[in-house]
Amino acid sequence: MKRVLVTYASKHGSTAEVADALAERLDAAGHLCDRLPARGVRSLEGYDCVVLGGSLYTGHWHRDAVRFLRDHAEELDCIPLAVFALGPRTLSEKDVAGSRAQLDAALARLPVAPDLVRIFGGAVDPKKLRFPFSRMPASDARDWAAIDAWAGEVEQLFAGELSRSRG
């Protein structure tokens, strides 16, 4: 059993909902999960593993996710780290690849190399947005089966069944 921090940077709540689903899956697998907003995490002491999620908006990864990785780089060098981002409005290959490129660019500027990285479709609720974005059509491209499957990969990483991509 591992003590896991599932942390997230979410502007309108859809990334937090994915973090909830991941934490529930990891809890069901026997891990002890804490779920906290990234901006509220002061220390990683006592955690064996970390899952960090952040939303992508207009080509940028949420600043609280970036700040979390900068602030905790030293601690994260010693424990498994899985990172996800929500971004594309559709799951088309082009949209997912574009969001992955945005996330990869953000991660390349940071002092931490995650062991697992994944992009999931995002959700748009125009009622939560300001003009002109409030005129966008509502959409939800989150694939809950893919999210659950990725949680299984995260479990394997945390159990030591997947090799880590960094030293």
N, C-alpha and C. Protein backbone atom coordinates (compact mmCIF):
# COMPACT_ATOMS: atom_id res chain seq x y z
N MET A 1 0.85 -1.18 0.00
CA MET A 1 0.00 0.00 0.00
C MET A 1 0.89 1.24 0.00
N LYS A 2 0.58 2.15 -0.89
CA LYS A 2 1.34 3.40 -1.02
C LYS A 2 0.49 4.57 -0.55
N ARG A 3 1.15 5.58 -0.05
CA ARG A 3 0.47 6.84 0.27
C ARG A 3 0.66 7.75 -0.94
N VAL A 4 -0.46 8.13 -1.57
CA VAL A 4 -0.44 8.82 -2.85
C VAL A 4 -1.07 10.21 -2.71
N LEU A 5 -0.41 11.19 -3.31
CA LEU A 5 -0.99 12.52 -3.43
C LEU A 5 -1.53 12.65 -4.84
N VAL A 6 -2.82 12.90 -4.96
CA VAL A 6 -3.43 13.24 -6.24
C VAL A 6 -3.75 14.73 -6.15
N THR A 7 -3.03 15.51 -6.93
CA THR A 7 -3.17 16.96 -6.85
C THR A 7 -3.51 17.50 -8.24
N TYR A 8 -4.12 18.66 -8.26
CA TYR A 8 -4.65 19.16 -9.53
C TYR A 8 -4.67 20.68 -9.56
N ALA A 9 -4.64 21.20 -10.78
CA ALA A 9 -4.79 22.63 -11.03
C ALA A 9 -5.96 22.75 -12.01
N SER A 10 -7.08 23.24 -11.52
CA SER A 10 -8.31 23.26 -12.30
C SER A 10 -8.94 24.63 -12.23
N LYS A 11 -9.31 25.17 -13.37
CA LYS A 11 -9.91 26.49 -13.41
C LYS A 11 -11.42 26.44 -13.21
N HIS A 12 -12.06 25.46 -13.85
CA HIS A 12 -13.53 25.39 -13.80
C HIS A 12 -14.05 24.06 -13.28
N GLY A 13 -13.17 23.17 -12.81
CA GLY A 13 -13.62 21.96 -12.14
C GLY A 13 -13.50 20.65 -12.89
N SER A 14 -13.31 20.67 -14.20
CA SER A 14 -13.27 19.38 -14.91
C SER A 14 -11.99 18.60 -14.60
N THR A 15 -10.87 19.27 -14.41
CA THR A 15 -9.63 18.57 -14.04
C THR A 15 -9.76 18.00 -12.63
N ALA A 16 -10.41 18.73 -11.74
CA ALA A 16 -10.64 18.23 -10.38
C ALA A 16 -11.51 16.97 -10.41
N GLU A 17 -12.48 16.92 -11.31
CA GLU A 17 -13.33 15.72 -11.43
C GLU A 17 -12.52 14.51 -11.89
N VAL A 18 -11.57 14.72 -12.80
CA VAL A 18 -10.70 13.62 -13.23
C VAL A 18 -9.80 13.20 -12.07
N ALA A 19 -9.27 14.16 -11.32
CA ALA A 19 -8.45 13.83 -10.15
C ALA A 19 -9.26 12.99 -9.16
N ASP A 20 -10.53 13.33 -8.97
CA ASP A 20 -11.40 12.54 -8.09
C ASP A 20 -11.49 11.09 -8.57
N ALA A 21 -11.72 10.92 -9.87
CA ALA A 21 -11.86 9.57 -10.42
C ALA A 21 -10.57 8.77 -10.26
N LEU A 22 -9.43 9.41 -10.49
CA LEU A 22 -8.15 8.72 -10.31
C LEU A 22 -7.92 8.35 -8.85
N ALA A 23 -8.21 9.26 -7.94
CA ALA A 23 -8.05 8.98 -6.51
C ALA A 23 -8.96 7.84 -6.07
N GLU A 24 -10.18 7.83 -6.56
CA GLU A 24 -11.11 6.73 -6.21
C GLU A 24 -10.56 5.40 -6.69
N ARG A 25 -10.05 5.36 -7.91
CA ARG A 25 -9.50 4.11 -8.45
C ARG A 25 -8.29 3.65 -7.64
N LEU A 26 -7.40 4.58 -7.29
CA LEU A 26 -6.22 4.22 -6.51
C LEU A 26 -6.59 3.81 -5.09
N ASP A 27 -7.59 4.47 -4.51
CA ASP A 27 -8.10 4.05 -3.19
C ASP A 27 -8.64 2.63 -3.26
N ALA A 28 -9.41 2.34 -4.30
CA ALA A 28 -10.00 1.00 -4.46
C ALA A 28 -8.93 -0.07 -4.63
N ALA A 29 -7.77 0.31 -5.14
CA ALA A 29 -6.66 -0.62 -5.31
C ALA A 29 -5.88 -0.81 -4.01
N GLY A 30 -6.29 -0.11 -2.95
CA GLY A 30 -5.66 -0.29 -1.66
C GLY A 30 -4.67 0.78 -1.26
N HIS A 31 -4.53 1.81 -2.06
CA HIS A 31 -3.63 2.90 -1.70
C HIS A 31 -4.36 3.92 -0.83
N LEU A 32 -3.60 4.70 -0.10
CA LEU A 32 -4.17 5.79 0.69
C LEU A 32 -3.96 7.09 -0.07
N CYS A 33 -5.02 7.66 -0.58
CA CYS A 33 -4.92 8.85 -1.44
C CYS A 33 -5.41 10.09 -0.73
N ASP A 34 -4.62 11.14 -0.86
CA ASP A 34 -5.07 12.48 -0.49
C ASP A 34 -5.27 13.22 -1.80
N ARG A 35 -6.35 13.98 -1.90
CA ARG A 35 -6.67 14.75 -3.09
C ARG A 35 -6.70 16.21 -2.69
N LEU A 36 -5.77 17.01 -3.26
CA LEU A 36 -5.63 18.41 -2.87
C LEU A 36 -5.38 19.29 -4.08
N PRO A 37 -5.85 20.54 -4.03
CA PRO A 37 -5.47 21.48 -5.08
C PRO A 37 -3.96 21.72 -5.04
N ALA A 38 -3.33 21.81 -6.19
CA ALA A 38 -1.87 21.97 -6.27
C ALA A 38 -1.39 23.20 -5.50
N ARG A 39 -2.16 24.28 -5.55
CA ARG A 39 -1.71 25.50 -4.88
C ARG A 39 -1.69 25.36 -3.37
N GLY A 40 -2.37 24.35 -2.82
CA GLY A 40 -2.42 24.17 -1.37
C GLY A 40 -1.41 23.19 -0.82
N VAL A 41 -0.61 22.56 -1.68
CA VAL A 41 0.36 21.56 -1.22
C VAL A 41 1.63 22.27 -0.78
N ARG A 42 2.00 22.06 0.47
CA ARG A 42 3.21 22.70 1.02
C ARG A 42 4.41 21.76 1.05
N SER A 43 4.14 20.45 1.18
CA SER A 43 5.23 19.48 1.29
C SER A 43 4.76 18.13 0.75
N LEU A 44 5.71 17.34 0.27
CA LEU A 44 5.40 15.98 -0.19
C LEU A 44 5.87 14.94 0.83
N GLU A 45 6.26 15.41 1.99
CA GLU A 45 6.73 14.51 3.04
C GLU A 45 5.65 13.47 3.36
N GLY A 46 6.06 12.22 3.39
CA GLY A 46 5.14 11.13 3.72
C GLY A 46 4.46 10.50 2.51
N TYR A 47 4.60 11.11 1.34
CA TYR A 47 3.98 10.53 0.13
C TYR A 47 4.98 9.64 -0.60
N ASP A 48 4.48 8.52 -1.08
CA ASP A 48 5.30 7.58 -1.85
C ASP A 48 5.24 7.86 -3.35
N CYS A 49 4.18 8.52 -3.80
CA CYS A 49 3.93 8.76 -5.23
C CYS A 49 3.05 9.99 -5.38
N VAL A 50 3.11 10.59 -6.58
CA VAL A 50 2.31 11.78 -6.85
C VAL A 50 1.68 11.67 -8.24
N VAL A 51 0.41 12.06 -8.31
CA VAL A 51 -0.29 12.27 -9.57
C VAL A 51 -0.64 13.75 -9.62
N LEU A 52 -0.25 14.42 -10.72
CA LEU A 52 -0.54 15.84 -10.89
C LEU A 52 -1.32 16.04 -12.17
N GLY A 53 -2.44 16.73 -12.05
CA GLY A 53 -3.23 17.08 -13.23
C GLY A 53 -3.37 18.57 -13.36
N GLY A 54 -3.38 19.03 -14.59
CA GLY A 54 -3.57 20.45 -14.84
C GLY A 54 -4.29 20.65 -16.16
N SER A 55 -5.04 21.70 -16.22
CA SER A 55 -5.78 22.00 -17.45
C SER A 55 -4.90 22.82 -18.39
N LEU A 56 -5.19 22.68 -19.68
CA LEU A 56 -4.55 23.49 -20.71
C LEU A 56 -5.56 24.52 -21.19
N TYR A 57 -5.16 25.79 -21.19
CA TYR A 57 -6.01 26.87 -21.67
C TYR A 57 -5.21 27.73 -22.63
N THR A 58 -5.75 27.97 -23.76
CA THR A 58 -5.14 28.83 -24.78
C THR A 58 -3.63 28.58 -24.92
N GLY A 59 -3.29 27.30 -24.99
CA GLY A 59 -1.91 26.92 -25.24
C GLY A 59 -0.99 26.86 -24.05
N HIS A 60 -1.51 27.09 -22.86
CA HIS A 60 -0.67 27.11 -21.65
C HIS A 60 -1.21 26.13 -20.62
N TRP A 61 -0.28 25.45 -19.94
CA TRP A 61 -0.66 24.58 -18.84
C TRP A 61 -0.94 25.44 -17.62
N HIS A 62 -1.89 25.06 -16.83
CA HIS A 62 -2.32 25.83 -15.67
C HIS A 62 -1.12 26.21 -14.80
N ARG A 63 -1.03 27.49 -14.45
CA ARG A 63 0.14 27.99 -13.71
C ARG A 63 0.32 27.32 -12.35
N ASP A 64 -0.75 26.85 -11.71
CA ASP A 64 -0.59 26.17 -10.43
C ASP A 64 0.10 24.81 -10.60
N ALA A 65 -0.12 24.14 -11.74
CA ALA A 65 0.58 22.88 -12.01
C ALA A 65 2.07 23.15 -12.24
N VAL A 66 2.37 24.18 -13.02
CA VAL A 66 3.76 24.56 -13.27
C VAL A 66 4.46 24.92 -11.97
N ARG A 67 3.81 25.73 -11.16
CA ARG A 67 4.38 26.15 -9.88
C ARG A 67 4.61 24.94 -8.96
N PHE A 68 3.66 24.01 -8.95
CA PHE A 68 3.80 22.82 -8.12
C PHE A 68 5.09 22.06 -8.49
N LEU A 69 5.31 21.86 -9.79
CA LEU A 69 6.51 21.12 -10.21
C LEU A 69 7.78 21.89 -9.90
N ARG A 70 7.76 23.19 -10.03
CA ARG A 70 8.95 23.99 -9.68
C ARG A 70 9.22 23.94 -8.18
N ASP A 71 8.17 24.12 -7.40
CA ASP A 71 8.32 24.18 -5.94
C ASP A 71 8.75 22.85 -5.33
N HIS A 72 8.37 21.74 -5.95
CA HIS A 72 8.62 20.43 -5.36
C HIS A 72 9.57 19.57 -6.18
N ALA A 73 10.36 20.20 -7.04
CA ALA A 73 11.24 19.46 -7.95
C ALA A 73 12.18 18.52 -7.21
N GLU A 74 12.78 18.99 -6.14
CA GLU A 74 13.73 18.15 -5.41
C GLU A 74 13.06 16.92 -4.82
N GLU A 75 11.90 17.11 -4.20
CA GLU A 75 11.17 15.99 -3.60
C GLU A 75 10.69 15.01 -4.68
N LEU A 76 10.27 15.55 -5.82
CA LEU A 76 9.74 14.70 -6.90
C LEU A 76 10.81 13.90 -7.60
N ASP A 77 12.05 14.28 -7.44
CA ASP A 77 13.14 13.53 -8.05
C ASP A 77 13.29 12.14 -7.44
N CYS A 78 12.74 11.95 -6.25
CA CYS A 78 12.92 10.70 -5.51
C CYS A 78 11.70 9.78 -5.52
N ILE A 79 10.58 10.24 -6.06
CA ILE A 79 9.36 9.43 -6.02
C ILE A 79 8.69 9.40 -7.40
N PRO A 80 7.93 8.33 -7.68
CA PRO A 80 7.23 8.26 -8.96
C PRO A 80 6.25 9.42 -9.14
N LEU A 81 6.20 9.93 -10.38
CA LEU A 81 5.34 11.06 -10.72
C LEU A 81 4.59 10.75 -12.01
N ALA A 82 3.27 10.86 -11.95
CA ALA A 82 2.42 10.73 -13.13
C ALA A 82 1.73 12.07 -13.34
N VAL A 83 1.72 12.54 -14.59
CA VAL A 83 1.16 13.85 -14.93
C VAL A 83 0.11 13.68 -16.01
N PHE A 84 -1.00 14.41 -15.85
CA PHE A 84 -2.00 14.44 -16.92
C PHE A 84 -2.47 15.87 -17.13
N ALA A 85 -3.01 16.08 -18.31
CA ALA A 85 -3.59 17.39 -18.63
C ALA A 85 -4.88 17.18 -19.40
N LEU A 86 -5.82 18.09 -19.17
CA LEU A 86 -7.05 18.13 -19.94
C LEU A 86 -6.94 19.31 -20.88
N GLY A 87 -7.32 19.11 -22.11
CA GLY A 87 -7.19 20.22 -23.03
C GLY A 87 -8.05 20.16 -24.26
N PRO A 88 -7.86 19.16 -25.11
CA PRO A 88 -8.54 19.25 -26.39
C PRO A 88 -10.06 19.16 -26.24
N ARG A 89 -10.73 19.91 -27.11
CA ARG A 89 -12.20 19.90 -27.10
C ARG A 89 -12.75 18.67 -27.79
N THR A 90 -11.91 18.00 -28.60
CA THR A 90 -12.31 16.75 -29.25
C THR A 90 -11.18 15.76 -29.05
N LEU A 91 -11.46 14.51 -29.33
CA LEU A 91 -10.43 13.48 -29.23
C LEU A 91 -9.84 13.13 -30.59
N SER A 92 -9.96 14.05 -31.53
CA SER A 92 -9.34 13.81 -32.83
C SER A 92 -7.83 13.72 -32.64
N GLU A 93 -7.19 12.96 -33.50
CA GLU A 93 -5.75 12.78 -33.40
C GLU A 93 -5.01 14.12 -33.42
N LYS A 94 -5.45 15.02 -34.28
CA LYS A 94 -4.83 16.34 -34.41
C LYS A 94 -4.97 17.15 -33.12
N ASP A 95 -6.18 17.18 -32.53
CA ASP A 95 -6.40 17.95 -31.31
C ASP A 95 -5.60 17.39 -30.13
N VAL A 96 -5.58 16.07 -29.99
CA VAL A 96 -4.84 15.45 -28.90
C VAL A 96 -3.34 15.70 -29.07
N ALA A 97 -2.85 15.56 -30.31
CA ALA A 97 -1.42 15.81 -30.57
C ALA A 97 -1.05 17.26 -30.28
N GLY A 98 -1.93 18.19 -30.62
CA GLY A 98 -1.66 19.60 -30.33
C GLY A 98 -1.58 19.87 -28.84
N SER A 99 -2.50 19.27 -28.09
CA SER A 99 -2.47 19.45 -26.64
C SER A 99 -1.25 18.78 -26.03
N ARG A 100 -0.87 17.62 -26.56
CA ARG A 100 0.31 16.93 -26.05
C ARG A 100 1.56 17.78 -26.30
N ALA A 101 1.63 18.41 -27.46
CA ALA A 101 2.78 19.28 -27.77
C ALA A 101 2.83 20.46 -26.79
N GLN A 102 1.67 21.02 -26.46
CA GLN A 102 1.63 22.12 -25.49
C GLN A 102 2.12 21.67 -24.12
N LEU A 103 1.66 20.49 -23.68
CA LEU A 103 2.08 19.97 -22.38
C LEU A 103 3.57 19.64 -22.40
N ASP A 104 4.03 18.98 -23.47
CA ASP A 104 5.45 18.64 -23.55
C ASP A 104 6.32 19.89 -23.51
N ALA A 105 5.89 20.96 -24.17
CA ALA A 105 6.65 22.21 -24.14
C ALA A 105 6.71 22.78 -22.73
N ALA A 106 5.60 22.73 -22.01
CA ALA A 106 5.58 23.21 -20.63
C ALA A 106 6.50 22.37 -19.75
N LEU A 107 6.43 21.06 -19.90
CA LEU A 107 7.26 20.17 -19.08
C LEU A 107 8.74 20.33 -19.39
N ALA A 108 9.08 20.60 -20.64
CA ALA A 108 10.48 20.76 -21.04
C ALA A 108 11.15 21.94 -20.35
N ARG A 109 10.35 22.92 -19.92
CA ARG A 109 10.89 24.10 -19.25
C ARG A 109 11.01 23.91 -17.73
N LEU A 110 10.64 22.73 -17.25
CA LEU A 110 10.60 22.50 -15.81
C LEU A 110 11.71 21.54 -15.38
N PRO A 111 12.10 21.60 -14.10
CA PRO A 111 13.21 20.77 -13.63
C PRO A 111 12.80 19.35 -13.23
N VAL A 112 11.64 18.87 -13.71
CA VAL A 112 11.14 17.55 -13.33
C VAL A 112 10.74 16.79 -14.59
N ALA A 113 11.07 15.51 -14.64
CA ALA A 113 10.66 14.66 -15.76
C ALA A 113 9.69 13.60 -15.23
N PRO A 114 8.40 13.71 -15.56
CA PRO A 114 7.43 12.72 -15.08
C PRO A 114 7.71 11.33 -15.63
N ASP A 115 7.27 10.32 -14.89
CA ASP A 115 7.39 8.93 -15.32
C ASP A 115 6.29 8.55 -16.30
N LEU A 116 5.11 9.11 -16.13
CA LEU A 116 3.97 8.88 -17.02
C LEU A 116 3.35 10.22 -17.35
N VAL A 117 2.94 10.38 -18.61
CA VAL A 117 2.29 11.62 -19.04
C VAL A 117 1.12 11.24 -19.94
N ARG A 118 -0.02 11.91 -19.74
CA ARG A 118 -1.19 11.59 -20.56
C ARG A 118 -2.05 12.83 -20.79
N ILE A 119 -2.63 12.92 -21.97
CA ILE A 119 -3.59 13.96 -22.32
C ILE A 119 -4.98 13.35 -22.34
N PHE A 120 -5.94 14.04 -21.75
CA PHE A 120 -7.34 13.64 -21.83
C PHE A 120 -8.13 14.81 -22.42
N GLY A 121 -9.25 14.48 -23.01
CA GLY A 121 -10.11 15.51 -23.56
C GLY A 121 -10.62 16.41 -22.44
N GLY A 122 -10.90 17.64 -22.79
CA GLY A 122 -11.38 18.61 -21.82
C GLY A 122 -12.88 18.77 -21.87
N ALA A 123 -13.37 19.62 -21.02
CA ALA A 123 -14.80 19.92 -20.96
C ALA A 123 -14.98 21.43 -20.98
N VAL A 124 -16.02 21.86 -21.68
CA VAL A 124 -16.34 23.29 -21.77
C VAL A 124 -17.78 23.49 -21.33
N ASP A 125 -17.94 24.30 -20.30
CA ASP A 125 -19.27 24.71 -19.85
C ASP A 125 -19.33 26.21 -20.05
N PRO A 126 -19.98 26.68 -21.14
CA PRO A 126 -19.96 28.11 -21.44
C PRO A 126 -20.52 28.99 -20.32
N LYS A 127 -21.37 28.43 -19.46
CA LYS A 127 -21.93 29.21 -18.35
C LYS A 127 -20.86 29.61 -17.34
N LYS A 128 -19.73 28.91 -17.34
CA LYS A 128 -18.65 29.20 -16.40
C LYS A 128 -17.59 30.11 -17.00
N LEU A 129 -17.78 30.51 -18.25
CA LEU A 129 -16.75 31.28 -18.95
C LEU A 129 -17.17 32.72 -19.19
N ARG A 130 -16.17 33.58 -19.35
CA ARG A 130 -16.43 34.98 -19.68
C ARG A 130 -16.47 35.16 -21.20
N PHE A 131 -17.10 36.23 -21.59
CA PHE A 131 -17.16 36.59 -23.00
C PHE A 131 -15.75 36.78 -23.53
N PRO A 132 -15.38 36.34 -24.69
CA PRO A 132 -16.19 35.74 -25.75
C PRO A 132 -16.31 34.22 -25.64
N PHE A 133 -15.57 33.63 -24.67
CA PHE A 133 -15.58 32.17 -24.53
C PHE A 133 -16.94 31.64 -24.11
N SER A 134 -17.75 32.49 -23.50
CA SER A 134 -19.10 32.07 -23.08
C SER A 134 -19.99 31.75 -24.27
N ARG A 135 -19.54 32.08 -25.47
CA ARG A 135 -20.31 31.77 -26.69
C ARG A 135 -19.90 30.45 -27.31
N MET A 136 -18.92 29.79 -26.72
CA MET A 136 -18.49 28.49 -27.24
C MET A 136 -19.59 27.46 -26.97
N PRO A 137 -19.70 26.44 -27.81
CA PRO A 137 -20.67 25.39 -27.53
C PRO A 137 -20.19 24.52 -26.37
N ALA A 138 -21.11 24.01 -25.61
CA ALA A 138 -20.78 23.10 -24.51
C ALA A 138 -20.21 21.81 -25.10
N SER A 139 -19.23 21.26 -24.41
CA SER A 139 -18.67 19.98 -24.86
C SER A 139 -18.01 19.29 -23.67
N ASP A 140 -17.89 17.98 -23.79
CA ASP A 140 -17.17 17.19 -22.78
C ASP A 140 -16.50 16.04 -23.51
N ALA A 141 -15.20 16.15 -23.72
CA ALA A 141 -14.44 15.14 -24.45
C ALA A 141 -13.68 14.21 -23.51
N ARG A 142 -14.01 14.25 -22.23
CA ARG A 142 -13.32 13.35 -21.30
C ARG A 142 -13.78 11.92 -21.57
N ASP A 143 -12.84 11.03 -21.76
CA ASP A 143 -13.10 9.61 -22.01
C ASP A 143 -12.85 8.88 -20.69
N TRP A 144 -13.93 8.60 -19.97
CA TRP A 144 -13.79 8.03 -18.63
C TRP A 144 -13.19 6.63 -18.66
N ALA A 145 -13.41 5.87 -19.72
CA ALA A 145 -12.78 4.55 -19.83
C ALA A 145 -11.27 4.70 -20.00
N ALA A 146 -10.84 5.68 -20.79
CA ALA A 146 -9.40 5.93 -20.96
C ALA A 146 -8.78 6.43 -19.66
N ILE A 147 -9.51 7.24 -18.93
CA ILE A 147 -9.02 7.74 -17.64
C ILE A 147 -8.85 6.58 -16.67
N ASP A 148 -9.82 5.68 -16.64
CA ASP A 148 -9.73 4.51 -15.77
C ASP A 148 -8.56 3.61 -16.18
N ALA A 149 -8.39 3.42 -17.50
CA ALA A 149 -7.28 2.60 -17.98
C ALA A 149 -5.93 3.21 -17.60
N TRP A 150 -5.82 4.54 -17.69
CA TRP A 150 -4.58 5.20 -17.31
C TRP A 150 -4.33 5.05 -15.81
N ALA A 151 -5.39 5.07 -15.03
CA ALA A 151 -5.25 4.84 -13.58
C ALA A 151 -4.60 3.48 -13.34
N GLY A 152 -4.94 2.50 -14.17
CA GLY A 152 -4.29 1.19 -14.07
C GLY A 152 -2.80 1.27 -14.36
N GLU A 153 -2.41 2.08 -15.35
CA GLU A 153 -0.99 2.29 -15.63
C GLU A 153 -0.30 2.96 -14.45
N VAL A 154 -0.97 3.93 -13.85
CA VAL A 154 -0.42 4.62 -12.69
C VAL A 154 -0.22 3.61 -11.55
N GLU A 155 -1.20 2.74 -11.33
CA GLU A 155 -1.06 1.69 -10.31
C GLU A 155 0.18 0.84 -10.57
N GLN A 156 0.38 0.44 -11.84
CA GLN A 156 1.55 -0.38 -12.19
C GLN A 156 2.85 0.37 -11.93
N LEU A 157 2.88 1.65 -12.26
CA LEU A 157 4.07 2.46 -11.99
C LEU A 157 4.35 2.49 -10.49
N PHE A 158 3.32 2.77 -9.72
CA PHE A 158 3.49 2.89 -8.29
C PHE A 158 3.85 1.56 -7.63
N ALA A 159 3.44 0.45 -8.25
CA ALA A 159 3.78 -0.87 -7.72
C ALA A 159 5.16 -1.32 -8.18
N GLY A 160 5.81 -0.51 -9.03
CA GLY A 160 7.12 -0.86 -9.53
C GLY A 160 7.08 -1.80 -10.72
N GLU A 161 5.88 -2.01 -11.31
CA GLU A 161 5.75 -2.93 -12.44
C GLU A 161 6.09 -2.25 -13.77
N LEU A 162 6.11 -0.93 -13.82
CA LEU A 162 6.52 -0.21 -15.02
C LEU A 162 7.87 0.43 -14.71
N SER A 163 8.77 0.38 -15.68
CA SER A 163 10.06 1.00 -15.44
C SER A 163 9.91 2.52 -15.49
N ARG A 164 10.66 3.18 -14.66
CA ARG A 164 10.63 4.64 -14.62
C ARG A 164 11.49 5.18 -15.74
N SER A 165 11.04 6.28 -16.33
CA SER A 165 11.76 6.86 -17.46
C SER A 165 12.94 7.72 -17.01
N ARG A 166 13.04 7.99 -15.75
CA ARG A 166 14.16 8.81 -15.26
C ARG A 166 14.89 8.04 -14.19
N GLY A 167 16.11 8.48 -13.85
CA GLY A 167 16.98 7.79 -12.91
C GLY A 167 16.44 7.79 -11.58
